[in-house]
């Protein structure tokens, strides 16, 4: 794992060009690990993400009695599935700040039954899980809060499931629906299980990832649009033999934006036109801002074609990648508005408040609302020391402030606590330095 100092000073760079091999997708990696653990048979997983969040999931599965091994020094793993069960029925699980781990594991453990305690870092205990717990307890699981109601830590005990229709609110996090979907086959032994969504469902592309991966593991989900999802009785997860993890489309956004801001061409390898990840749609936003996009089945390339244009768009479908647009807006020709991003408030930090604070340090005028951000770029990007709030995406996004505009005045951008990128991309700043030529620290 890469070790960074307490801060990095990014020297200004006028040009960005080159090729980056992306790390594996966090969303695909942790979903695949859990599905492989619940499947019948062994699954070889190629190109698993090496990060804090996947380490949390691997460690939790090991504690639960699931056997797995890493193939040499590669990013390939073999997971030996528990055939719809975990061998260990009593465990204490530390989940860090990994939402993609604690939420689906909570659902699976509650349905299977046992005696489990799940907890994490302080910020995890501020991230909501009440909608998921309510949906599960309403059908007979027994999940108790051991801290503040609605939030981890949790104590899961054996319940008695007495209903097979679950209802979950869709407006806070799509991970709640993902968790219920992944646990549904464990409930559907004798009866079909239906999950109904209450209200608007956010981050729909992440549900598509879940459904496609469940299909790879042998479970089909019937759907009524985005309103209801049904798993027929008798389905169970079966190991597909092998599965490849796509490169992370959210991580791709920083490099693609760098190409749009500072000339390019910049190419990312590992994700492309055939991706199952919704964040691939980030390139549509860059295209609206005037960048030139070229794609292949497993790569994307971006080149600038003049100053970026301001954007006014709904980013409900790509909340993580949308953060990159907020920083790219520093280089736009007017005021940009990011709408329908209320989910930022309950991520690794309150990302709307954090983004507004740090953009202002760079000289931008920023208006923040409950679910929107409006950014007016400064005439010149100011020298600044950027706080990252123990949020990997804050650190990666603000590396872009060292490009182009900052370079014209020779302004150094300091990134505090750069090690937070270990959550999803431990070697991020090395990769960024390779494309942001002269951007040494």
Protein backbone atom coordinates (compact mmCIF):
# COMPACT_ATOMS: atom_id res chain seq x y z
CA UNK A 1 0.00 0.00 0.00
CA UNK A 2 1.28 3.45 -0.90
CA UNK A 3 2.42 5.63 2.02
CA UNK A 4 1.97 9.38 1.64
CA UNK A 5 3.16 12.23 3.89
CA UNK A 6 0.72 14.42 5.82
CA UNK A 7 0.31 16.62 2.75
CA UNK A 8 1.33 16.80 -0.89
CA UNK A 9 2.20 19.95 -2.79
CA UNK A 10 1.14 19.61 -6.40
CA UNK A 11 3.29 21.74 -8.64
CA UNK A 12 1.32 23.52 -11.38
CA UNK A 13 1.03 21.78 -14.75
CA UNK A 14 -0.05 23.31 -18.05
CA UNK A 15 -0.58 20.03 -19.92
CA UNK A 16 -2.04 16.62 -19.17
CA UNK A 17 -1.53 13.69 -21.51
CA UNK A 18 -0.87 9.96 -21.38
CA UNK A 19 -2.51 6.65 -20.52
CA UNK A 20 -3.69 5.36 -17.13
CA UNK A 21 -4.51 1.76 -16.20
CA UNK A 22 -7.44 2.03 -13.82
CA UNK A 23 -7.83 0.12 -10.56
CA UNK A 24 -10.85 -2.18 -10.29
CA UNK A 25 -14.29 -0.80 -9.57
CA UNK A 26 -15.13 -0.62 -5.84
CA UNK A 27 -18.82 -1.18 -6.52
CA UNK A 28 -18.18 -4.25 -8.64
CA UNK A 29 -15.41 -5.59 -6.38
CA UNK A 30 -17.39 -5.64 -3.13
CA UNK A 31 -20.60 -6.89 -4.75
CA UNK A 32 -18.67 -9.67 -6.47
CA UNK A 33 -16.92 -10.71 -3.25
CA UNK A 34 -20.21 -11.06 -1.37
CA UNK A 35 -21.96 -12.89 -4.22
CA UNK A 36 -19.01 -15.26 -4.55
CA UNK A 37 -19.12 -15.88 -0.79
CA UNK A 38 -22.83 -16.75 -0.97
CA UNK A 39 -22.54 -18.88 -4.11
CA UNK A 40 -22.25 -22.62 -4.54
CA UNK A 41 -18.75 -23.41 -5.80
CA UNK A 42 -15.55 -21.42 -6.18
CA UNK A 43 -15.15 -18.17 -8.12
CA UNK A 44 -11.88 -16.83 -9.53
CA UNK A 45 -12.03 -13.04 -9.46
CA UNK A 46 -9.60 -11.21 -11.74
CA UNK A 47 -8.39 -7.64 -11.15
CA UNK A 48 -10.05 -7.08 -7.79
CA UNK A 49 -9.57 -3.57 -6.46
CA UNK A 50 -6.78 -3.26 -3.88
CA UNK A 51 -8.12 -0.75 -1.37
CA UNK A 52 -9.25 -0.18 2.19
CA UNK A 53 -12.89 -0.95 1.30
CA UNK A 54 -12.18 -4.30 -0.35
CA UNK A 55 -9.84 -5.19 2.52
CA UNK A 56 -12.75 -4.58 4.90
CA UNK A 57 -14.97 -6.95 2.91
CA UNK A 58 -12.31 -9.65 2.54
CA UNK A 59 -11.56 -9.53 6.27
CA UNK A 60 -15.26 -9.69 7.17
CA UNK A 61 -15.84 -12.70 4.92
CA UNK A 62 -12.83 -14.45 6.43
CA UNK A 63 -14.19 -13.78 9.93
CA UNK A 64 -17.51 -15.28 8.79
CA UNK A 65 -15.73 -18.49 7.79
CA UNK A 66 -15.50 -17.96 4.03
CA UNK A 67 -12.23 -19.28 2.64
CA UNK A 68 -10.42 -17.29 -0.03
CA UNK A 69 -6.89 -16.94 -1.31
CA UNK A 70 -4.94 -14.40 -3.31
CA UNK A 71 -3.18 -15.74 -6.39
CA UNK A 72 0.48 -14.92 -5.76
CA UNK A 73 1.13 -11.17 -5.83
CA UNK A 74 -1.61 -10.53 -8.39
CA UNK A 75 -4.97 -8.81 -7.92
CA UNK A 76 -6.65 -12.16 -8.61
CA UNK A 77 -8.48 -14.08 -5.89
CA UNK A 78 -10.30 -17.37 -5.50
CA UNK A 79 -13.34 -17.30 -3.20
CA UNK A 80 -14.86 -20.58 -2.01
CA UNK A 81 -18.57 -19.98 -1.61
CA UNK A 82 -20.66 -20.99 1.39
CA UNK A 83 -23.64 -22.13 -0.73
CA UNK A 84 -26.10 -19.64 0.70
CA UNK A 85 -24.76 -19.56 4.25
CA UNK A 86 -21.86 -18.36 6.39
CA UNK A 87 -20.08 -21.03 8.47
CA UNK A 88 -19.60 -18.68 11.46
CA UNK A 89 -22.79 -17.63 13.27
CA UNK A 90 -21.31 -15.35 15.93
CA UNK A 91 -18.91 -12.56 14.97
CA UNK A 92 -17.81 -8.99 15.60
CA UNK A 93 -17.18 -7.21 12.28
CA UNK A 94 -15.30 -3.94 11.78
CA UNK A 95 -16.58 -2.30 8.58
CA UNK A 96 -14.37 0.81 8.43
CA UNK A 97 -16.19 3.43 6.36
CA UNK A 98 -17.19 1.02 3.59
CA UNK A 99 -20.85 1.53 2.70
CA UNK A 100 -20.53 -1.05 -0.09
CA UNK A 101 -19.58 -3.60 2.58
CA UNK A 102 -21.74 -2.87 5.64
CA UNK A 103 -25.07 -2.42 3.86
CA UNK A 104 -25.26 -5.67 1.83
CA UNK A 105 -23.64 -7.64 4.66
CA UNK A 106 -26.24 -6.32 7.09
CA UNK A 107 -29.04 -7.61 4.88
CA UNK A 108 -27.43 -11.01 4.26
CA UNK A 109 -26.58 -11.58 7.92
CA UNK A 110 -30.04 -10.49 9.10
CA UNK A 111 -31.77 -12.88 6.71
CA UNK A 112 -29.47 -15.81 7.45
CA UNK A 113 -29.60 -15.26 11.22
CA UNK A 114 -26.95 -15.54 13.92
CA UNK A 115 -25.42 -13.16 16.41
CA UNK A 116 -23.38 -10.41 14.78
CA UNK A 117 -22.14 -6.95 15.71
CA UNK A 118 -21.23 -4.51 12.93
CA UNK A 119 -19.41 -1.24 13.57
CA UNK A 120 -16.95 1.08 11.86
CA UNK A 121 -15.09 4.36 12.08
CA UNK A 122 -16.76 7.43 13.59
CA UNK A 123 -18.02 8.67 10.21
CA UNK A 124 -19.65 5.30 9.48
CA UNK A 125 -21.69 5.78 12.64
CA UNK A 126 -23.02 9.03 11.11
CA UNK A 127 -24.05 7.44 7.80
CA UNK A 128 -27.74 6.44 7.68
CA UNK A 129 -28.82 2.81 7.56
CA UNK A 130 -32.33 3.19 9.04
CA UNK A 131 -34.25 2.67 5.78
CA UNK A 132 -32.53 -0.69 5.28
CA UNK A 133 -33.04 -1.79 8.89
CA UNK A 134 -36.70 -0.76 8.78
CA UNK A 135 -37.29 -2.75 5.58
CA UNK A 136 -35.68 -5.87 7.05
CA UNK A 137 -37.21 -5.71 10.53
CA UNK A 138 -40.66 -5.20 9.01
CA UNK A 139 -40.51 -8.75 7.59
CA UNK A 140 -39.18 -10.35 10.78
CA UNK A 141 -35.42 -9.91 11.03
CA UNK A 142 -34.00 -8.68 14.34
CA UNK A 143 -31.56 -5.79 13.98
CA UNK A 144 -30.97 -3.48 16.93
CA UNK A 145 -29.08 -0.20 17.13
CA UNK A 146 -26.38 -0.08 19.79
CA UNK A 147 -25.75 3.64 19.31
CA UNK A 148 -27.89 6.32 17.69
CA UNK A 149 -31.13 4.92 16.16
CA UNK A 150 -30.95 4.92 12.36
CA UNK A 151 -27.18 4.55 12.24
CA UNK A 152 -24.52 1.90 12.90
CA UNK A 153 -23.28 0.25 15.05
CA UNK A 154 -25.71 -2.66 14.79
CA UNK A 155 -26.47 -5.87 16.65
CA UNK A 156 -28.03 -8.56 14.46
CA UNK A 157 -29.76 -11.56 16.04
CA UNK A 158 -31.76 -14.44 14.68
CA UNK A 159 -35.24 -13.33 13.69
CA UNK A 160 -38.22 -15.08 12.10
CA UNK A 161 -39.10 -13.94 8.58
CA UNK A 162 -42.89 -13.93 8.22
CA UNK A 163 -43.42 -11.93 5.02
CA UNK A 164 -41.94 -11.91 1.54
CA UNK A 165 -42.70 -8.39 0.37
CA UNK A 166 -40.24 -5.72 1.49
CA UNK A 167 -40.59 -1.99 1.07
CA UNK A 168 -37.66 0.42 1.07
CA UNK A 169 -37.33 4.14 0.51
CA UNK A 170 -35.29 4.98 -2.56
CA UNK A 171 -34.32 8.59 -1.87
CA UNK A 172 -31.34 8.34 0.49
CA UNK A 173 -29.05 5.65 -0.93
CA UNK A 174 -29.42 3.04 -3.67
CA UNK A 175 -27.19 0.78 -1.54
CA UNK A 176 -30.24 -0.08 0.60
CA UNK A 177 -32.07 -1.53 -2.41
CA UNK A 178 -28.85 -3.24 -3.57
CA UNK A 179 -28.54 -4.88 -0.13
CA UNK A 180 -32.12 -6.18 -0.22
CA UNK A 181 -31.76 -7.45 -3.78
CA UNK A 182 -28.59 -9.37 -2.97
CA UNK A 183 -30.18 -10.91 0.15
CA UNK A 184 -33.51 -11.74 -1.55
CA UNK A 185 -32.48 -15.17 -2.94
CA UNK A 186 -31.56 -16.21 0.62
CA UNK A 187 -35.23 -15.59 1.55
CA UNK A 188 -36.78 -17.02 -1.62
CA UNK A 189 -36.46 -20.74 -0.89
CA UNK A 190 -40.21 -21.50 -0.82
CA UNK A 191 -41.81 -18.22 -1.87
CA UNK A 192 -40.95 -15.41 -4.30
CA UNK A 193 -39.61 -12.23 -2.72
CA UNK A 194 -40.69 -8.78 -3.91
CA UNK A 195 -39.01 -5.51 -3.04
CA UNK A 196 -41.08 -2.37 -3.56
CA UNK A 197 -39.42 1.03 -3.80
CA UNK A 198 -41.07 3.93 -1.98
CA UNK A 199 -40.60 7.31 -3.67
CA UNK A 200 -37.93 8.23 -6.20
CA UNK A 201 -34.96 5.91 -6.53
CA UNK A 202 -31.61 7.69 -6.75
CA UNK A 203 -28.41 6.42 -8.37
CA UNK A 204 -30.29 3.96 -10.61
CA UNK A 205 -27.16 2.89 -12.55
CA UNK A 206 -25.78 1.31 -9.38
CA UNK A 207 -28.88 -0.92 -9.23
CA UNK A 208 -28.15 -1.97 -12.80
CA UNK A 209 -24.68 -3.11 -11.66
CA UNK A 210 -26.28 -5.17 -8.88
CA UNK A 211 -28.80 -6.81 -11.21
CA UNK A 212 -26.20 -7.66 -13.85
CA UNK A 213 -23.84 -9.19 -11.28
CA UNK A 214 -26.65 -11.23 -9.68
CA UNK A 215 -27.42 -12.53 -13.16
CA UNK A 216 -23.77 -13.56 -13.59
CA UNK A 217 -24.19 -15.62 -10.40
CA UNK A 218 -27.32 -17.33 -11.68
CA UNK A 219 -30.16 -15.25 -10.19
CA UNK A 220 -32.70 -13.49 -12.39
CA UNK A 221 -34.69 -10.55 -11.06
CA UNK A 222 -38.03 -9.61 -12.63
CA UNK A 223 -38.78 -5.92 -12.46
CA UNK A 224 -41.63 -3.49 -12.78
CA UNK A 225 -39.65 -0.48 -13.96
CA UNK A 226 -37.96 1.06 -10.93
CA UNK A 227 -40.98 0.44 -8.68
CA UNK A 228 -40.69 -3.25 -7.79
CA UNK A 229 -38.26 -6.15 -8.14
CA UNK A 230 -39.13 -9.84 -7.70
CA UNK A 231 -36.87 -12.86 -7.15
CA UNK A 232 -38.66 -16.12 -7.97
CA UNK A 233 -38.61 -18.95 -5.45
CA UNK A 234 -35.90 -21.57 -5.59
CA UNK A 235 -33.11 -19.48 -7.09
CA UNK A 236 -29.69 -19.57 -5.52
CA UNK A 237 -26.27 -18.19 -6.32
CA UNK A 238 -23.97 -20.38 -8.40
CA UNK A 239 -20.31 -19.57 -8.97
CA UNK A 240 -19.72 -18.46 -12.59
CA UNK A 241 -16.23 -19.98 -12.58
CA UNK A 242 -14.43 -16.71 -13.21
CA UNK A 243 -15.29 -13.04 -13.40
CA UNK A 244 -13.28 -9.95 -14.35
CA UNK A 245 -13.67 -6.69 -12.41
CA UNK A 246 -13.92 -3.64 -14.66
CA UNK A 247 -11.75 -0.61 -14.06
CA UNK A 248 -13.40 1.95 -11.81
CA UNK A 249 -15.45 4.44 -13.83
CA UNK A 250 -15.59 6.94 -10.95
CA UNK A 251 -11.79 6.93 -10.72
CA UNK A 252 -11.60 7.39 -14.49
CA UNK A 253 -13.38 10.73 -14.13
CA UNK A 254 -10.34 12.55 -12.68
CA UNK A 255 -8.04 11.63 -15.55
CA UNK A 256 -10.67 12.25 -18.22
CA UNK A 257 -11.39 15.67 -16.71
CA UNK A 258 -7.65 16.40 -16.69
CA UNK A 259 -7.58 15.79 -20.45
CA UNK A 260 -10.54 18.12 -20.95
CA UNK A 261 -8.98 20.84 -18.77
CA UNK A 262 -5.34 20.64 -19.86
CA UNK A 263 -5.22 19.58 -23.47
CA UNK A 264 -4.91 15.82 -23.54
CA UNK A 265 -5.21 13.39 -25.03
CA UNK A 266 -5.63 11.36 -21.85
CA UNK A 267 -6.71 7.73 -22.17
CA UNK A 268 -7.95 5.42 -19.41
CA UNK A 269 -7.69 1.66 -19.82
CA UNK A 270 -9.97 -0.84 -18.10
CA UNK A 271 -13.36 0.73 -18.72
CA UNK A 272 -15.04 1.70 -21.96
CA UNK A 273 -18.17 1.68 -24.07
CA UNK A 274 -19.14 -1.82 -22.89
CA UNK A 275 -19.06 -0.92 -19.18
CA UNK A 276 -21.84 -2.00 -16.81
CA UNK A 277 -21.10 1.04 -14.60
CA UNK A 278 -23.39 4.03 -14.68
CA UNK A 279 -20.53 6.44 -13.98
CA UNK A 280 -19.42 5.90 -17.57
CA UNK A 281 -22.05 8.57 -18.31
CA UNK A 282 -19.63 11.10 -16.87
CA UNK A 283 -18.30 11.43 -20.40
CA UNK A 284 -21.67 12.84 -21.50
CA UNK A 285 -21.20 15.73 -19.08
CA UNK A 286 -17.64 16.34 -20.32
CA UNK A 287 -18.96 16.32 -23.87
CA UNK A 288 -21.58 18.92 -22.92
CA UNK A 289 -18.70 21.02 -21.58
CA UNK A 290 -17.03 20.86 -24.99
CA UNK A 291 -14.48 18.05 -24.65
CA UNK A 292 -13.82 15.58 -27.47
CA UNK A 293 -14.52 11.97 -26.44
CA UNK A 294 -13.41 8.76 -28.15
CA UNK A 295 -14.28 5.31 -26.80
CA UNK A 296 -13.42 1.67 -27.39
CA UNK A 297 -14.74 -1.47 -25.69
CA UNK A 298 -12.20 -1.17 -22.86
CA UNK A 299 -10.88 2.40 -23.05
CA UNK A 300 -11.92 6.06 -23.16
CA UNK A 301 -9.91 9.01 -24.43
CA UNK A 302 -10.53 12.71 -23.87
CA UNK A 303 -9.01 15.73 -25.56
CA UNK A 304 -9.70 19.42 -25.03
CA UNK A 305 -11.21 21.38 -27.87
CA UNK A 306 -11.10 24.84 -26.33
CA UNK A 307 -12.15 26.31 -22.98
CA UNK A 308 -14.77 24.32 -21.11
CA UNK A 309 -18.39 25.45 -21.28
CA UNK A 310 -20.46 25.96 -18.15
CA UNK A 311 -22.98 23.19 -17.46
CA UNK A 312 -26.39 23.02 -15.79
CA UNK A 313 -27.43 19.41 -15.31
CA UNK A 314 -29.09 16.82 -13.09
CA UNK A 315 -26.45 14.47 -11.63
CA UNK A 316 -28.71 12.16 -9.62
CA UNK A 317 -27.55 9.21 -11.75
CA UNK A 318 -23.79 9.72 -11.23
CA UNK A 319 -23.34 11.32 -7.79
CA UNK A 320 -19.73 10.19 -7.23
CA UNK A 321 -18.38 11.19 -10.64
CA UNK A 322 -20.34 14.45 -10.47
CA UNK A 323 -17.90 15.69 -7.84
CA UNK A 324 -15.29 15.88 -10.58
CA UNK A 325 -17.56 18.20 -12.58
CA UNK A 326 -17.70 20.59 -9.61
CA UNK A 327 -13.91 21.06 -9.80
CA UNK A 328 -13.86 21.09 -13.60
CA UNK A 329 -16.32 24.00 -13.30
CA UNK A 330 -13.35 26.11 -12.12
CA UNK A 331 -12.22 26.11 -15.74
CA UNK A 332 -15.61 26.79 -17.36
CA UNK A 333 -16.66 29.97 -19.16
CA UNK A 334 -19.48 30.79 -16.72
CA UNK A 335 -21.53 29.55 -13.79
CA UNK A 336 -22.20 25.79 -13.57
CA UNK A 337 -25.05 24.21 -11.61
CA UNK A 338 -25.05 20.62 -10.34
CA UNK A 339 -28.58 19.56 -9.44
CA UNK A 340 -30.19 16.66 -7.56
CA UNK A 341 -27.05 15.74 -5.60
CA UNK A 342 -28.64 15.51 -2.15
CA UNK A 343 -27.02 12.08 -1.61
CA UNK A 344 -23.66 13.90 -1.30
CA UNK A 345 -24.77 14.92 2.21
CA UNK A 346 -24.58 11.35 3.56
CA UNK A 347 -21.40 10.08 1.91
CA UNK A 348 -17.92 9.81 3.44
CA UNK A 349 -18.41 13.42 4.48
CA UNK A 350 -21.07 16.05 3.74
CA UNK A 351 -19.70 16.52 0.25
CA UNK A 352 -21.84 19.53 -0.66
CA UNK A 353 -20.57 21.51 2.33
CA UNK A 354 -17.00 20.26 1.92
CA UNK A 355 -16.89 20.98 -1.81
CA UNK A 356 -18.28 24.49 -1.30
CA UNK A 357 -15.70 25.28 1.39
CA UNK A 358 -12.71 24.10 -0.61
CA UNK A 359 -13.82 25.64 -3.93
CA UNK A 360 -14.09 29.00 -2.18
CA UNK A 361 -10.46 28.67 -1.05
CA UNK A 362 -9.52 28.55 -4.74
CA UNK A 363 -11.39 31.79 -5.40
CA UNK A 364 -14.68 30.42 -6.74
CA UNK A 365 -18.05 31.87 -5.82
CA UNK A 366 -20.18 28.99 -4.59
CA UNK A 367 -23.85 28.71 -3.69
CA UNK A 368 -24.89 25.53 -1.92
CA UNK A 369 -28.41 24.24 -1.39
CA UNK A 370 -29.89 21.13 0.16
CA UNK A 371 -29.37 19.22 -3.08
CA UNK A 372 -27.50 21.49 -5.47
CA UNK A 373 -24.22 23.32 -5.93
CA UNK A 374 -23.65 26.39 -8.10
CA UNK A 375 -20.04 27.26 -9.01
CA UNK A 376 -18.81 30.49 -10.59
CA UNK A 377 -15.14 30.19 -11.53
CA UNK A 378 -12.56 32.73 -10.38
CA UNK A 379 -10.61 34.89 -12.81
CA UNK A 380 -7.49 33.16 -11.47
CA UNK A 381 -7.26 29.98 -9.41
CA UNK A 382 -5.73 30.93 -6.07
CA UNK A 383 -3.00 29.12 -4.18
CA UNK A 384 -4.72 27.00 -1.53
CA UNK A 385 -4.34 24.30 1.08
CA UNK A 386 -7.16 21.82 0.47
CA UNK A 387 -8.66 19.85 3.34
CA UNK A 388 -9.91 16.40 2.37
CA UNK A 389 -12.22 15.40 5.28
CA UNK A 390 -10.96 11.79 5.23
CA UNK A 391 -12.79 11.52 1.90
CA UNK A 392 -10.91 9.91 -0.97
CA UNK A 393 -12.92 11.69 -3.65
CA UNK A 394 -12.23 15.13 -2.21
CA UNK A 395 -8.48 14.46 -2.44
CA UNK A 396 -8.65 13.15 -6.00
CA UNK A 397 -11.02 15.84 -7.28
CA UNK A 398 -8.95 18.74 -6.04
CA UNK A 399 -5.75 17.48 -7.66
CA UNK A 400 -7.33 18.93 -10.83
CA UNK A 401 -6.96 22.44 -9.37
CA UNK A 402 -3.21 22.20 -10.06
CA UNK A 403 -3.80 22.20 -13.83
CA UNK A 404 -3.85 24.98 -16.38
CA UNK A 405 -5.25 27.98 -14.50
CA UNK A 406 -3.13 27.39 -11.43
CA UNK A 407 -0.12 26.87 -13.66
CA UNK A 408 -0.44 30.29 -15.26
CA UNK A 409 0.38 31.92 -11.93
CA UNK A 410 2.71 29.20 -10.68
CA UNK A 411 0.38 28.42 -7.79
CA UNK A 412 1.08 25.30 -5.77
CA UNK A 413 -1.97 23.37 -4.57
CA UNK A 414 -1.51 21.59 -1.26
CA UNK A 415 -3.60 18.46 -0.62
CA UNK A 416 -3.86 17.67 3.09
CA UNK A 417 -4.07 14.04 4.29
CA UNK A 418 -3.54 12.52 0.83
CA UNK A 419 -3.48 8.99 2.27
CA UNK A 420 -7.30 8.98 2.32
CA UNK A 421 -7.17 7.90 -1.35
CA UNK A 422 -6.34 4.39 -0.07
CA UNK A 423 -10.11 3.83 0.24
CA UNK A 424 -10.34 3.20 -3.51
CA UNK A 425 -7.10 4.18 -5.31
CA UNK A 426 -3.93 3.91 -3.17
CA UNK A 427 -1.59 4.93 -6.02
CA UNK A 428 -3.73 7.80 -7.29
CA UNK A 429 -1.21 10.62 -6.97
CA UNK A 430 1.50 8.61 -8.73
CA UNK A 431 -0.88 7.99 -11.64
CA UNK A 432 -1.91 11.66 -11.68
CA UNK A 433 1.73 12.79 -11.75
CA UNK A 434 2.34 10.65 -14.82
CA UNK A 435 -0.29 12.44 -16.88
CA UNK A 436 0.10 15.93 -15.36
CA UNK A 437 3.60 16.34 -16.65
CA UNK A 438 5.90 18.48 -14.48
CA UNK A 439 3.41 17.97 -11.67
CA UNK A 440 5.99 16.77 -9.15
CA UNK A 441 5.65 16.85 -5.38
